[in-house]
Every structure is written in structure tokens, then in C-alpha cells.
Amino acid sequence: MSHTDQHHDATPKTVTCPICGQEFTCGMSTSCWCAARVVPDSVRRYLAEHYETCVCSACLDRLIEDAKKA
């Protein structure tokens, strides 16, 4: 998962994962932790359709693994 370049210089913020409720830091940039993840298009679509904010690393990793099994 990767943020768009429009957030390149944004300040990191604390976000609550909409899936599990865990708080985490979102880097709001291409250097965010999520930029290191390879996210399948199906997961990107699912996230865009169901959530308006980022999800935590554990939930993102679980979604990626589930997509690999499908």
C-alpha cells in the first residue's frame, strides 16, 4: 500500500484502524511503513470500497495473506 505523492511532505499522524481499533502511526507519505508492502489490486480495491482511512500493519498484512490464499 502506498500513499499518493500528494501526501509526500505530510506530517505523520496517529490513526485508529477501522478494522481492529488499534492505534498506529500513518506516515502520510511514500516513506510510510505501508509503502514497503506489496498490496494486491484486489486488496487495494477492497480497502478503497470499505474504509476512508488507512488500516494498521497487522490488518493490512492479514488482508494481503488472505488475498494470496484466494
PDB file of N, CA and C in Angstrom:
ATOM      1  N   MET A   1       0.864  -1.158   0.000  1.00  0.00           N
ATOM      2  CA  MET A   1       0.000   0.000   0.000  1.00  0.00           C
ATOM      3  C   MET A   1       0.895   1.199   0.000  1.00  0.00           C
ATOM      4  N   SER A   2       0.516   2.181  -0.782  1.00  0.00           N
ATOM      5  CA  SER A   2       1.365   3.356  -0.858  1.00  0.00           C
ATOM      6  C   SER A   2       0.502   4.592  -0.976  1.00  0.00           C
ATOM      7  N   HIS A   3       0.885   5.598  -0.261  1.00  0.00           N
ATOM      8  CA  HIS A   3       0.168   6.859  -0.350  1.00  0.00           C
ATOM      9  C   HIS A   3       0.516   7.548  -1.655  1.00  0.00           C
ATOM     10  N   THR A   4      -0.375   8.391  -2.117  1.00  0.00           N
ATOM     11  CA  THR A   4      -0.106   9.131  -3.335  1.00  0.00           C
ATOM     12  C   THR A   4       0.933  10.199  -3.068  1.00  0.00           C
ATOM     13  N   ASP A   5       1.568  10.675  -4.120  1.00  0.00           N
ATOM     14  CA  ASP A   5       2.603  11.699  -3.978  1.00  0.00           C
ATOM     15  C   ASP A   5       2.077  12.994  -3.398  1.00  0.00           C
ATOM     16  N   GLN A   6       0.772  13.221  -3.432  1.00  0.00           N
ATOM     17  CA  GLN A   6       0.226  14.457  -2.886  1.00  0.00           C
ATOM     18  C   GLN A   6       0.461  14.564  -1.385  1.00  0.00           C
ATOM     19  N   HIS A   7       0.730  13.464  -0.719  1.00  0.00           N
ATOM     20  CA  HIS A   7       0.982  13.469   0.719  1.00  0.00           C
ATOM     21  C   HIS A   7       2.478  13.420   1.024  1.00  0.00           C
ATOM     22  N   HIS A   8       3.314  13.691   0.055  1.00  0.00           N
ATOM     23  CA  HIS A   8       4.752  13.499   0.171  1.00  0.00           C
ATOM     24  C   HIS A   8       5.365  14.178   1.395  1.00  0.00           C
ATOM     25  N   ASP A   9       4.954  15.377   1.721  1.00  0.00           N
ATOM     26  CA  ASP A   9       5.555  16.101   2.830  1.00  0.00           C
ATOM     27  C   ASP A   9       4.636  16.209   4.041  1.00  0.00           C
ATOM     28  N   ALA A  10       3.637  15.370   4.117  1.00  0.00           N
ATOM     29  CA  ALA A  10       2.680  15.446   5.216  1.00  0.00           C
ATOM     30  C   ALA A  10       3.319  14.977   6.525  1.00  0.00           C
ATOM     31  N   THR A  11       2.796  15.479   7.617  1.00  0.00           N
ATOM     32  CA  THR A  11       3.260  15.104   8.943  1.00  0.00           C
ATOM     33  C   THR A  11       2.583  13.805   9.370  1.00  0.00           C
ATOM     34  N   PRO A  12       3.349  12.865   9.929  1.00  0.00           N
ATOM     35  CA  PRO A  12       2.739  11.622  10.409  1.00  0.00           C
ATOM     36  C   PRO A  12       1.644  11.920  11.439  1.00  0.00           C
ATOM     37  N   LYS A  13       0.636  11.054  11.472  1.00  0.00           N
ATOM     38  CA  LYS A  13      -0.433  11.247  12.446  1.00  0.00           C
ATOM     39  C   LYS A  13      -0.847   9.910  13.029  1.00  0.00           C
ATOM     40  N   THR A  14      -1.473   9.970  14.180  1.00  0.00           N
ATOM     41  CA  THR A  14      -1.996   8.774  14.828  1.00  0.00           C
ATOM     42  C   THR A  14      -3.373   8.486  14.254  1.00  0.00           C
ATOM     43  N   VAL A  15      -3.562   7.249  13.852  1.00  0.00           N
ATOM     44  CA  VAL A  15      -4.805   6.815  13.219  1.00  0.00           C
ATOM     45  C   VAL A  15      -5.312   5.592  13.981  1.00  0.00           C
ATOM     46  N   THR A  16      -6.620   5.437  14.055  1.00  0.00           N
ATOM     47  CA  THR A  16      -7.220   4.236  14.628  1.00  0.00           C
ATOM     48  C   THR A  16      -7.653   3.330  13.485  1.00  0.00           C
ATOM     49  N   CYS A  17      -7.181   2.108  13.495  1.00  0.00           N
ATOM     50  CA  CYS A  17      -7.517   1.152  12.442  1.00  0.00           C
ATOM     51  C   CYS A  17      -9.023   0.903  12.460  1.00  0.00           C
ATOM     52  N   PRO A  18      -9.689   1.058  11.312  1.00  0.00           N
ATOM     53  CA  PRO A  18     -11.128   0.845  11.262  1.00  0.00           C
ATOM     54  C   PRO A  18     -11.530  -0.626  11.349  1.00  0.00           C
ATOM     55  N   ILE A  19     -10.565  -1.524  11.242  1.00  0.00           N
ATOM     56  CA  ILE A  19     -10.867  -2.951  11.320  1.00  0.00           C
ATOM     57  C   ILE A  19     -10.767  -3.458  12.752  1.00  0.00           C
ATOM     58  N   CYS A  20      -9.638  -3.182  13.415  1.00  0.00           N
ATOM     59  CA  CYS A  20      -9.405  -3.766  14.744  1.00  0.00           C
ATOM     60  C   CYS A  20      -9.404  -2.752  15.891  1.00  0.00           C
ATOM     61  N   GLY A  21      -9.363  -1.463  15.578  1.00  0.00           N
ATOM     62  CA  GLY A  21      -9.380  -0.442  16.614  1.00  0.00           C
ATOM     63  C   GLY A  21      -8.020  -0.091  17.194  1.00  0.00           C
ATOM     64  N   GLN A  22      -6.960  -0.723  16.703  1.00  0.00           N
ATOM     65  CA  GLN A  22      -5.595  -0.451  17.167  1.00  0.00           C
ATOM     66  C   GLN A  22      -5.130   0.913  16.665  1.00  0.00           C
ATOM     67  N   GLU A  23      -4.493   1.698  17.527  1.00  0.00           N
ATOM     68  CA  GLU A  23      -3.910   2.966  17.096  1.00  0.00           C
ATOM     69  C   GLU A  23      -2.537   2.702  16.496  1.00  0.00           C
ATOM     70  N   PHE A  24      -2.194   3.453  15.453  1.00  0.00           N
ATOM     71  CA  PHE A  24      -0.900   3.319  14.803  1.00  0.00           C
ATOM     72  C   PHE A  24      -0.527   4.647  14.169  1.00  0.00           C
ATOM     73  N   THR A  25       0.727   4.769  13.756  1.00  0.00           N
ATOM     74  CA  THR A  25       1.184   5.996  13.115  1.00  0.00           C
ATOM     75  C   THR A  25       1.139   5.822  11.604  1.00  0.00           C
ATOM     76  N   CYS A  26       0.502   6.768  10.951  1.00  0.00           N
ATOM     77  CA  CYS A  26       0.442   6.812   9.492  1.00  0.00           C
ATOM     78  C   CYS A  26       1.412   7.901   9.046  1.00  0.00           C
ATOM     79  N   GLY A  27       2.362   7.531   8.209  1.00  0.00           N
ATOM     80  CA  GLY A  27       3.362   8.478   7.746  1.00  0.00           C
ATOM     81  C   GLY A  27       2.853   9.465   6.719  1.00  0.00           C
ATOM     82  N   MET A  28       1.687   9.183   6.145  1.00  0.00           N
ATOM     83  CA  MET A  28       1.074  10.076   5.169  1.00  0.00           C
ATOM     84  C   MET A  28       2.041  10.468   4.052  1.00  0.00           C
ATOM     85  N   SER A  29       2.910   9.530   3.657  1.00  0.00           N
ATOM     86  CA  SER A  29       3.869   9.820   2.598  1.00  0.00           C
ATOM     87  C   SER A  29       4.332   8.527   1.946  1.00  0.00           C
ATOM     88  N   THR A  30       5.132   8.675   0.923  1.00  0.00           N
ATOM     89  CA  THR A  30       5.675   7.498   0.242  1.00  0.00           C
ATOM     90  C   THR A  30       6.746   6.818   1.074  1.00  0.00           C
ATOM     91  N   SER A  31       7.125   7.402   2.201  1.00  0.00           N
ATOM     92  CA  SER A  31       8.090   6.760   3.092  1.00  0.00           C
ATOM     93  C   SER A  31       7.395   6.088   4.287  1.00  0.00           C
ATOM     94  N   CYS A  32       6.083   6.030   4.278  1.00  0.00           N
ATOM     95  CA  CYS A  32       5.315   5.381   5.339  1.00  0.00           C
ATOM     96  C   CYS A  32       5.620   3.881   5.345  1.00  0.00           C
ATOM     97  N   TRP A  33       5.433   3.231   6.492  1.00  0.00           N
ATOM     98  CA  TRP A  33       5.668   1.790   6.617  1.00  0.00           C
ATOM     99  C   TRP A  33       4.898   0.991   5.575  1.00  0.00           C
ATOM    100  N   CYS A  34       3.727   1.469   5.194  1.00  0.00           N
ATOM    101  CA  CYS A  34       2.895   0.708   4.258  1.00  0.00           C
ATOM    102  C   CYS A  34       3.480   0.687   2.846  1.00  0.00           C
ATOM    103  N   ALA A  35       4.351   1.635   2.541  1.00  0.00           N
ATOM    104  CA  ALA A  35       4.954   1.689   1.209  1.00  0.00           C
ATOM    105  C   ALA A  35       5.845   0.476   0.949  1.00  0.00           C
ATOM    106  N   ALA A  36       6.286  -0.187   2.013  1.00  0.00           N
ATOM    107  CA  ALA A  36       7.128  -1.372   1.863  1.00  0.00           C
ATOM    108  C   ALA A  36       6.308  -2.624   1.567  1.00  0.00           C
ATOM    109  N   ARG A  37       5.000  -2.542   1.698  1.00  0.00           N
ATOM    110  CA  ARG A  37       4.135  -3.705   1.457  1.00  0.00           C
ATOM    111  C   ARG A  37       3.788  -3.789  -0.030  1.00  0.00           C
ATOM    112  N   VAL A  38       3.736  -5.003  -0.542  1.00  0.00           N
ATOM    113  CA  VAL A  38       3.243  -5.242  -1.890  1.00  0.00           C
ATOM    114  C   VAL A  38       1.782  -5.632  -1.726  1.00  0.00           C
ATOM    115  N   VAL A  39       0.892  -4.724  -2.124  1.00  0.00           N
ATOM    116  CA  VAL A  39      -0.535  -4.921  -1.889  1.00  0.00           C
ATOM    117  C   VAL A  39      -1.219  -5.270  -3.216  1.00  0.00           C
ATOM    118  N   PRO A  40      -1.837  -6.440  -3.268  1.00  0.00           N
ATOM    119  CA  PRO A  40      -2.545  -6.835  -4.487  1.00  0.00           C
ATOM    120  C   PRO A  40      -3.665  -5.847  -4.822  1.00  0.00           C
ATOM    121  N   ASP A  41      -3.950  -5.716  -6.099  1.00  0.00           N
ATOM    122  CA  ASP A  41      -5.011  -4.808  -6.542  1.00  0.00           C
ATOM    123  C   ASP A  41      -6.345  -5.125  -5.879  1.00  0.00           C
ATOM    124  N   SER A  42      -6.621  -6.407  -5.657  1.00  0.00           N
ATOM    125  CA  SER A  42      -7.894  -6.780  -5.026  1.00  0.00           C
ATOM    126  C   SER A  42      -7.995  -6.208  -3.618  1.00  0.00           C
ATOM    127  N   VAL A  43      -6.889  -6.168  -2.892  1.00  0.00           N
ATOM    128  CA  VAL A  43      -6.877  -5.613  -1.539  1.00  0.00           C
ATOM    129  C   VAL A  43      -7.020  -4.097  -1.609  1.00  0.00           C
ATOM    130  N   ARG A  44      -6.346  -3.469  -2.552  1.00  0.00           N
ATOM    131  CA  ARG A  44      -6.487  -2.014  -2.723  1.00  0.00           C
ATOM    132  C   ARG A  44      -7.946  -1.636  -2.984  1.00  0.00           C
ATOM    133  N   ARG A  45      -8.585  -2.391  -3.871  1.00  0.00           N
ATOM    134  CA  ARG A  45      -9.992  -2.119  -4.186  1.00  0.00           C
ATOM    135  C   ARG A  45     -10.869  -2.308  -2.953  1.00  0.00           C
ATOM    136  N   TYR A  46     -10.640  -3.398  -2.231  1.00  0.00           N
ATOM    137  CA  TYR A  46     -11.418  -3.680  -1.026  1.00  0.00           C
ATOM    138  C   TYR A  46     -11.274  -2.535  -0.021  1.00  0.00           C
ATOM    139  N   LEU A  47     -10.053  -2.105   0.232  1.00  0.00           N
ATOM    140  CA  LEU A  47      -9.823  -1.023   1.181  1.00  0.00           C
ATOM    141  C   LEU A  47     -10.497   0.273   0.723  1.00  0.00           C
ATOM    142  N   ALA A  48     -10.377   0.591  -0.550  1.00  0.00           N
ATOM    143  CA  ALA A  48     -10.982   1.820  -1.077  1.00  0.00           C
ATOM    144  C   ALA A  48     -12.504   1.788  -0.976  1.00  0.00           C
ATOM    145  N   GLU A  49     -13.085   0.612  -1.167  1.00  0.00           N
ATOM    146  CA  GLU A  49     -14.542   0.482  -1.127  1.00  0.00           C
ATOM    147  C   GLU A  49     -15.108   0.473   0.294  1.00  0.00           C
ATOM    148  N   HIS A  50     -14.314   0.035   1.268  1.00  0.00           N
ATOM    149  CA  HIS A  50     -14.844  -0.172   2.621  1.00  0.00           C
ATOM    150  C   HIS A  50     -14.361   0.792   3.691  1.00  0.00           C
ATOM    151  N   TYR A  51     -13.243   1.473   3.458  1.00  0.00           N
ATOM    152  CA  TYR A  51     -12.669   2.319   4.506  1.00  0.00           C
ATOM    153  C   TYR A  51     -12.222   3.660   3.947  1.00  0.00           C
ATOM    154  N   GLU A  52     -12.305   4.674   4.793  1.00  0.00           N
ATOM    155  CA  GLU A  52     -11.893   6.009   4.390  1.00  0.00           C
ATOM    156  C   GLU A  52     -10.527   6.387   4.939  1.00  0.00           C
ATOM    157  N   THR A  53      -9.920   5.497   5.716  1.00  0.00           N
ATOM    158  CA  THR A  53      -8.619   5.757   6.302  1.00  0.00           C
ATOM    159  C   THR A  53      -7.741   4.518   6.167  1.00  0.00           C
ATOM    160  N   CYS A  54      -6.505   4.647   6.543  1.00  0.00           N
ATOM    161  CA  CYS A  54      -5.563   3.530   6.496  1.00  0.00           C
ATOM    162  C   CYS A  54      -5.939   2.475   7.530  1.00  0.00           C
ATOM    163  N   VAL A  55      -5.409   1.273   7.320  1.00  0.00           N
ATOM    164  CA  VAL A  55      -5.548   0.214   8.311  1.00  0.00           C
ATOM    165  C   VAL A  55      -4.168  -0.074   8.889  1.00  0.00           C
ATOM    166  N   CYS A  56      -4.121  -0.691  10.061  1.00  0.00           N
ATOM    167  CA  CYS A  56      -2.844  -0.963  10.722  1.00  0.00           C
ATOM    168  C   CYS A  56      -2.053  -2.037   9.973  1.00  0.00           C
ATOM    169  N   SER A  57      -0.788  -2.173  10.347  1.00  0.00           N
ATOM    170  CA  SER A  57       0.080  -3.130   9.662  1.00  0.00           C
ATOM    171  C   SER A  57      -0.409  -4.575   9.825  1.00  0.00           C
ATOM    172  N   ALA A  58      -0.896  -4.926  11.006  1.00  0.00           N
ATOM    173  CA  ALA A  58      -1.370  -6.295  11.225  1.00  0.00           C
ATOM    174  C   ALA A  58      -2.574  -6.610  10.337  1.00  0.00           C
ATOM    175  N   CYS A  59      -3.512  -5.689  10.255  1.00  0.00           N
ATOM    176  CA  CYS A  59      -4.700  -5.918   9.421  1.00  0.00           C
ATOM    177  C   CYS A  59      -4.339  -5.904   7.940  1.00  0.00           C
ATOM    178  N   LEU A  60      -3.443  -5.006   7.542  1.00  0.00           N
ATOM    179  CA  LEU A  60      -3.020  -4.970   6.147  1.00  0.00           C
ATOM    180  C   LEU A  60      -2.317  -6.274   5.783  1.00  0.00           C
ATOM    181  N   ASP A  61      -1.426  -6.729   6.636  1.00  0.00           N
ATOM    182  CA  ASP A  61      -0.728  -7.986   6.366  1.00  0.00           C
ATOM    183  C   ASP A  61      -1.700  -9.158   6.286  1.00  0.00           C
ATOM    184  N   ARG A  62      -2.709  -9.189   7.163  1.00  0.00           N
ATOM    185  CA  ARG A  62      -3.711 -10.256   7.138  1.00  0.00           C
ATOM    186  C   ARG A  62      -4.502 -10.217   5.824  1.00  0.00           C
ATOM    187  N   LEU A  63      -4.890  -9.036   5.374  1.00  0.00           N
ATOM    188  CA  LEU A  63      -5.623  -8.908   4.113  1.00  0.00           C
ATOM    189  C   LEU A  63      -4.770  -9.365   2.932  1.00  0.00           C
ATOM    190  N   ILE A  64      -3.492  -9.031   2.974  1.00  0.00           N
ATOM    191  CA  ILE A  64      -2.582  -9.450   1.900  1.00  0.00           C
ATOM    192  C   ILE A  64      -2.450 -10.974   1.885  1.00  0.00           C
ATOM    193  N   GLU A  65      -2.275 -11.572   3.057  1.00  0.00           N
ATOM    194  CA  GLU A  65      -2.159 -13.031   3.143  1.00  0.00           C
ATOM    195  C   GLU A  65      -3.442 -13.718   2.690  1.00  0.00           C
ATOM    196  N   ASP A  66      -4.592 -13.182   3.095  1.00  0.00           N
ATOM    197  CA  ASP A  66      -5.875 -13.755   2.670  1.00  0.00           C
ATOM    198  C   ASP A  66      -6.025 -13.702   1.152  1.00  0.00           C
ATOM    199  N   ALA A  67      -5.572 -12.615   0.559  1.00  0.00           N
ATOM    200  CA  ALA A  67      -5.667 -12.464  -0.897  1.00  0.00           C
ATOM    201  C   ALA A  67      -4.774 -13.482  -1.603  1.00  0.00           C
ATOM    202  N   LYS A  68      -3.635 -13.788  -1.020  1.00  0.00           N
ATOM    203  CA  LYS A  68      -2.735 -14.777  -1.606  1.00  0.00           C
ATOM    204  C   LYS A  68      -3.352 -16.171  -1.588  1.00  0.00           C
ATOM    205  N   LYS A  69      -4.165 -16.456  -0.569  1.00  0.00           N
ATOM    206  CA  LYS A  69      -4.801 -17.773  -0.427  1.00  0.00           C
ATOM    207  C   LYS A  69      -6.009 -17.937  -1.335  1.00  0.00           C
ATOM    208  N   ALA A  70      -6.577 -16.820  -1.759  1.00  0.00           N
ATOM    209  CA  ALA A  70      -7.815 -16.869  -2.564  1.00  0.00           C
ATOM    210  C   ALA A  70      -7.558 -17.323  -3.991  1.00  0.00           C
TER     211      ALA A  70
END
